[in-house]
Protein backbone atom coordinates (compact mmCIF):
# COMPACT_ATOMS: atom_id res chain seq x y z
CA UNK A 1 352.32 31.17 48.67
CA UNK A 2 349.96 30.56 51.59
CA UNK A 3 351.60 33.33 53.61
CA UNK A 4 351.15 35.77 50.75
CA UNK A 5 347.48 34.78 50.42
CA UNK A 6 346.96 35.23 54.18
CA UNK A 7 348.45 38.72 54.09
CA UNK A 8 346.38 39.62 51.02
CA UNK A 9 343.21 38.39 52.75
CA UNK A 10 344.01 40.43 55.84
CA UNK A 11 344.65 43.58 53.80
CA UNK A 12 341.48 43.13 51.73
CA UNK A 13 339.42 42.54 54.85
CA UNK A 14 340.84 45.68 56.48
CA UNK A 15 340.16 47.78 53.38
CA UNK A 16 336.60 46.52 53.08
CA UNK A 17 335.86 47.08 56.78
CA UNK A 18 337.61 50.36 57.48
CA UNK A 19 337.34 52.23 54.18
CA UNK A 20 334.11 54.18 53.88
CA UNK A 21 332.14 52.99 50.88
CA UNK A 22 331.59 56.56 49.68
CA UNK A 23 335.36 57.15 49.24
CA UNK A 24 335.63 54.99 46.12
CA UNK A 25 333.32 54.05 43.29
CA UNK A 26 330.58 51.65 44.27
CA UNK A 27 331.60 49.07 41.64
CA UNK A 28 335.20 49.13 42.94
CA UNK A 29 334.07 48.72 46.53
CA UNK A 30 331.94 45.67 45.76
CA UNK A 31 334.59 44.18 43.48
CA UNK A 32 336.88 44.09 46.54
CA UNK A 33 334.45 41.58 48.06
CA UNK A 34 334.58 39.48 44.93
CA UNK A 35 338.39 39.66 44.91
CA UNK A 36 338.46 38.68 48.59
CA UNK A 37 336.37 35.57 47.88
CA UNK A 38 338.66 34.61 45.00
CA UNK A 39 341.71 34.92 47.26
CA UNK A 40 339.92 32.88 49.93
CA UNK A 41 339.21 30.14 47.39
CA UNK A 42 342.87 30.13 46.31
CA UNK A 43 343.96 29.90 49.94
CA UNK A 44 341.62 26.95 50.56
CA UNK A 45 342.81 25.25 47.38
CA UNK A 46 346.50 25.69 48.22
CA UNK A 47 345.99 24.52 51.81
CA UNK A 48 343.80 21.45 51.46
CA UNK A 49 343.28 20.25 47.89
CA UNK A 50 344.84 16.88 47.02
CA UNK A 51 344.60 15.68 43.43
CA UNK A 52 345.02 12.23 41.94
CA UNK A 53 348.42 13.25 40.59
CA UNK A 54 349.46 14.25 44.13
CA UNK A 55 348.47 10.79 45.37
CA UNK A 56 350.42 9.17 42.53
CA UNK A 57 353.66 10.62 43.97
CA UNK A 58 353.12 8.33 46.99
CA UNK A 59 351.07 5.39 45.70
CA UNK A 60 351.98 3.53 42.48
CA UNK A 61 349.11 1.07 42.06
CA UNK A 62 345.77 1.42 40.34
CA UNK A 63 343.12 3.59 41.97
CA UNK A 64 339.55 2.31 41.72
CA UNK A 65 337.76 5.28 43.31
CA UNK A 66 338.91 8.73 44.31
CA UNK A 67 337.10 11.70 45.83
CA UNK A 68 337.97 14.79 47.88
CA UNK A 69 336.77 14.23 51.46
CA UNK A 70 337.09 15.37 55.03
CA UNK A 71 337.51 12.79 57.79
CA UNK A 72 335.40 13.60 60.82
CA UNK A 73 337.61 13.39 63.94
CA UNK A 74 336.46 11.46 67.02
CA UNK A 75 336.23 14.63 69.12
CA UNK A 76 333.87 17.33 67.90
CA UNK A 77 336.28 20.09 68.99
CA UNK A 78 338.83 19.09 66.33
CA UNK A 79 338.82 20.16 62.69
CA UNK A 80 338.18 17.88 59.71
CA UNK A 81 341.18 16.10 58.20
CA UNK A 82 340.77 17.13 54.57
CA UNK A 83 342.30 15.15 51.75
CA UNK A 84 341.65 12.61 49.00
CA UNK A 85 339.82 9.39 49.88
CA UNK A 86 341.12 6.63 47.63
CA UNK A 87 339.99 3.03 47.17
CA UNK A 88 342.82 0.77 45.98
CA UNK A 89 342.98 -2.99 45.38
CA UNK A 90 343.30 -3.79 49.09
CA UNK A 91 342.48 -0.72 51.15
CA UNK A 92 340.65 2.54 51.60
CA UNK A 93 343.16 5.34 52.21
CA UNK A 94 343.02 9.03 53.02
CA UNK A 95 345.86 11.19 51.69
CA UNK A 96 346.48 14.69 52.98
CA UNK A 97 348.27 17.58 51.30
CA UNK A 98 351.98 17.48 52.08
CA UNK A 99 354.94 18.99 50.30
CA UNK A 100 358.36 17.38 50.57
CA UNK A 101 360.76 19.05 48.18
CA UNK A 102 363.51 16.50 48.88
CA UNK A 103 361.74 13.50 47.36
CA UNK A 104 358.93 15.14 45.37
CA UNK A 105 356.06 13.85 47.50
CA UNK A 106 352.94 15.99 47.35
CA UNK A 107 350.71 13.92 49.63
CA UNK A 108 351.00 11.66 52.65
CA UNK A 109 348.94 8.78 53.93
CA UNK A 110 347.08 9.80 57.11
CA UNK A 111 344.45 7.04 57.43
CA UNK A 112 344.05 3.55 56.02
CA UNK A 113 341.89 0.47 56.52
CA UNK A 114 341.81 -2.86 54.68
CA UNK A 115 338.72 -3.46 52.56
CA UNK A 116 338.29 -6.83 54.27
CA UNK A 117 337.81 -5.00 57.60
CA UNK A 118 334.93 -2.91 56.27
CA UNK A 119 331.59 -4.48 57.16
CA UNK A 120 329.50 -1.94 55.26
CA UNK A 121 328.87 1.72 54.63
CA UNK A 122 325.95 4.12 54.83
CA UNK A 123 325.29 7.36 52.99
CA UNK A 124 323.78 10.29 54.87
CA UNK A 125 324.57 13.06 57.33
CA UNK A 126 327.86 12.52 59.10
CA UNK A 127 328.28 15.73 61.10
CA UNK A 128 325.84 18.63 61.40
CA UNK A 129 324.28 19.29 58.03
CA UNK A 130 327.19 17.79 56.10
CA UNK A 131 326.50 14.65 54.16
CA UNK A 132 328.92 11.89 53.35
CA UNK A 133 329.72 8.28 54.03
CA UNK A 134 330.16 6.26 57.23
CA UNK A 135 332.23 3.08 57.06
CA UNK A 136 331.45 0.36 59.61
CA UNK A 137 334.79 -1.22 60.45
CA UNK A 138 335.20 -4.53 62.30
CA UNK A 139 336.83 -4.19 65.74
CA UNK A 140 337.15 -0.40 65.38
CA UNK A 141 335.05 2.73 65.59
CA UNK A 142 333.13 3.86 62.55
CA UNK A 143 334.98 6.15 60.14
CA UNK A 144 332.94 9.13 58.89
CA UNK A 145 333.83 11.26 55.87
CA UNK A 146 332.17 14.40 54.56
CA UNK A 147 331.79 14.19 50.78
CA UNK A 148 329.72 16.44 48.54
CA UNK A 149 327.10 14.62 46.46
CA UNK A 150 327.97 11.21 47.91
CA UNK A 151 324.57 9.79 47.00
CA UNK A 152 325.46 10.02 43.31
CA UNK A 153 328.79 8.27 43.95
CA UNK A 154 327.39 5.31 45.90
CA UNK A 155 327.36 2.92 42.96
CA UNK A 156 330.97 3.76 42.02
CA UNK A 157 332.12 3.25 45.62
CA UNK A 158 330.30 -0.09 45.89
CA UNK A 159 331.89 -1.26 42.66
CA UNK A 160 335.36 -0.08 43.76
CA UNK A 161 335.03 -2.02 47.02
CA UNK A 162 334.21 -5.14 45.00
CA UNK A 163 330.76 -5.58 46.49
CA UNK A 164 327.47 -6.46 44.82
CA UNK A 165 324.75 -3.85 44.50
CA UNK A 166 322.05 -4.15 47.15
């Protein structure tokens, strides 16, 4: 699926760039841009999106808080690790998209920390202009996650961690 979407994106990009706009109707030319953005969205969704049902193929327990996030790597030259940030009874976990047809898994655990190890968290900019949450972890480096509209989710995260409101 992803390979087909990549080829389709490449073809659409080539058509938009190399075809003179006066060769086809103006509405058709501009609709190619719209179609290209739709294909780009589908490619992003099929490459990175992890849903709660994907996480449930790996983790059986109750989930207190769940949000799509990107973990900021320690080196700025690396890309974000995109996945679903989940707060469970004992830990905060990050699951990444993964397909294993043999056992039906649709996600894999790529990062985890016990809630007891978390000293606190702050909401704000985590990298560039991207906002999110930064967890202060005892005896480790801080863990930063990009999350859209994290300010509105602060109360739910605090409650999921089992902490009192400040």
